[in-house]
Amino acid sequence: LVAVVTAVDPDLDIVAMDFDEYVPKPLGPSRLQNTIDRLLRLTEYDSQATELYTLERKVSLLEATKPHGKFTESDAYETLREQRDELRATVENQLSTADYQAITQLLGQAASQE
């Protein structure tokens, strides 16, 4: 698992980047520790669940930092959303309800720190 810690705000270039968590600076020790803890918890799940987390985070980061209309004409953004939606359906059907809720909770924790 890979966490990117950077002073650069996310843009469409993150779609092609290989990371599981994108953490913009500045960040304190507790935020860094929370990020590490979330990533370590992801290791309890299969690769599809981890990939879903990654796709969800990328979509969330883009939508949190840029107006949605900015991406409406972006093929990369639309492909990212489609991949996320397809994988979400697959993972939701494969994981137990408790495991799917745990992944959703990790995403909520990440989003609350954006």
Protein backbone atom coordinates (compact mmCIF):
# COMPACT_ATOMS: atom_id res chain seq x y z
CA LEU A 1 0.00 0.00 0.00
CA VAL A 2 1.19 3.50 -0.86
CA ALA A 3 0.39 6.86 0.71
CA VAL A 4 1.42 10.02 -1.12
CA VAL A 5 2.15 12.97 1.17
CA THR A 6 2.41 16.13 -0.89
CA ALA A 7 1.97 19.89 -0.92
CA VAL A 8 0.24 19.66 -4.32
CA ASP A 9 -3.55 19.72 -4.50
CA PRO A 10 -4.94 16.74 -6.41
CA ASP A 11 -5.92 17.20 -10.04
CA LEU A 12 -6.81 14.83 -12.87
CA ASP A 13 -3.24 13.58 -12.97
CA ILE A 14 -4.00 11.48 -9.86
CA VAL A 15 -6.19 9.18 -11.98
CA ALA A 16 -3.07 7.59 -13.48
CA MET A 17 -1.02 7.60 -10.28
CA ASP A 18 -0.54 4.36 -8.34
CA PHE A 19 -1.37 5.13 -4.70
CA ASP A 20 -3.91 4.14 -2.08
CA GLU A 21 -4.07 7.38 -0.13
CA TYR A 22 -3.28 10.98 -1.09
CA VAL A 23 -2.52 13.24 1.87
CA PRO A 24 -1.98 16.94 1.22
CA LYS A 25 0.30 18.92 3.49
CA PRO A 26 0.25 20.36 6.04
CA LEU A 27 -0.57 17.44 8.25
CA GLY A 28 0.07 16.70 11.87
CA PRO A 29 1.31 13.50 13.43
CA SER A 30 -2.21 12.31 14.33
CA ARG A 31 -3.43 12.66 10.74
CA LEU A 32 -0.42 10.77 9.45
CA GLN A 33 -0.94 8.04 12.05
CA ASN A 34 -4.64 7.78 11.15
CA THR A 35 -3.72 7.39 7.48
CA ILE A 36 -1.24 4.65 8.28
CA ASP A 37 -3.78 2.89 10.51
CA ARG A 38 -6.42 2.95 7.74
CA LEU A 39 -3.99 1.54 5.20
CA LEU A 40 -2.95 -1.22 7.58
CA ARG A 41 -6.60 -2.12 8.16
CA LEU A 42 -7.04 -2.41 4.39
CA THR A 43 -4.54 -5.27 4.36
CA GLU A 44 -7.25 -7.38 6.05
CA TYR A 45 -9.24 -7.37 2.79
CA ASP A 46 -8.68 -8.75 -0.69
CA SER A 47 -7.20 -6.79 -3.57
CA GLN A 48 -10.61 -5.85 -5.01
CA ALA A 49 -11.67 -4.22 -1.74
CA THR A 50 -8.37 -2.36 -1.59
CA GLU A 51 -8.78 -1.24 -5.21
CA LEU A 52 -12.29 -0.02 -4.44
CA TYR A 53 -10.91 2.03 -1.56
CA THR A 54 -8.32 3.55 -3.90
CA LEU A 55 -10.87 4.42 -6.61
CA GLU A 56 -13.31 5.84 -4.06
CA ARG A 57 -10.54 8.02 -2.59
CA LYS A 58 -9.51 9.36 -5.97
CA VAL A 59 -13.08 10.30 -6.89
CA SER A 60 -13.62 11.82 -3.46
CA LEU A 61 -10.42 13.85 -3.61
CA LEU A 62 -11.20 15.21 -7.04
CA GLU A 63 -14.76 16.12 -6.12
CA ALA A 64 -13.67 17.75 -2.85
CA THR A 65 -11.05 19.98 -4.44
CA LYS A 66 -12.54 20.89 -7.81
CA PRO A 67 -15.99 21.95 -8.97
CA HIS A 68 -17.80 18.91 -10.40
CA GLY A 69 -18.46 20.71 -13.66
CA LYS A 70 -14.72 20.88 -14.29
CA PHE A 71 -14.65 17.12 -14.85
CA THR A 72 -17.80 16.62 -16.91
CA GLU A 73 -15.86 16.60 -20.17
CA SER A 74 -12.94 14.54 -18.86
CA ASP A 75 -12.74 11.01 -20.22
CA ALA A 76 -10.26 10.08 -17.47
CA TYR A 77 -12.65 11.21 -14.73
CA GLU A 78 -15.64 9.45 -16.27
CA THR A 79 -13.62 6.25 -16.71
CA LEU A 80 -12.53 6.48 -13.07
CA ARG A 81 -16.15 6.83 -11.91
CA GLU A 82 -17.27 3.92 -14.13
CA GLN A 83 -14.49 1.68 -12.81
CA ARG A 84 -15.43 2.65 -9.26
CA ASP A 85 -19.13 1.94 -9.81
CA GLU A 86 -18.49 -1.46 -11.42
CA LEU A 87 -16.06 -2.52 -8.73
CA ARG A 88 -18.35 -1.25 -5.98
CA ALA A 89 -21.12 -3.56 -7.20
CA THR A 90 -18.73 -6.52 -7.38
CA VAL A 91 -17.20 -5.93 -3.94
CA GLU A 92 -20.57 -5.27 -2.33
CA ASN A 93 -21.78 -8.67 -3.56
CA GLN A 94 -18.61 -10.52 -2.51
CA LEU A 95 -17.98 -9.10 0.95
CA SER A 96 -20.05 -9.76 4.00
CA THR A 97 -22.22 -6.87 5.12
CA ALA A 98 -19.89 -6.24 8.07
CA ASP A 99 -16.79 -6.14 5.87
CA TYR A 100 -18.41 -3.85 3.32
CA GLN A 101 -19.49 -1.53 6.13
CA ALA A 102 -15.93 -1.57 7.50
CA ILE A 103 -14.57 -0.46 4.11
CA THR A 104 -17.23 2.25 3.96
CA GLN A 105 -16.25 3.37 7.46
CA LEU A 106 -12.59 3.63 6.45
CA LEU A 107 -13.62 5.80 3.50
CA GLY A 108 -15.68 8.00 5.81
CA GLN A 109 -12.73 8.44 8.13
CA ALA A 110 -10.50 9.41 5.23
CA ALA A 111 -13.03 11.87 3.84
CA SER A 112 -13.46 13.55 7.22
CA GLN A 113 -9.76 14.40 7.20
CA GLU A 114 -9.72 16.05 3.76
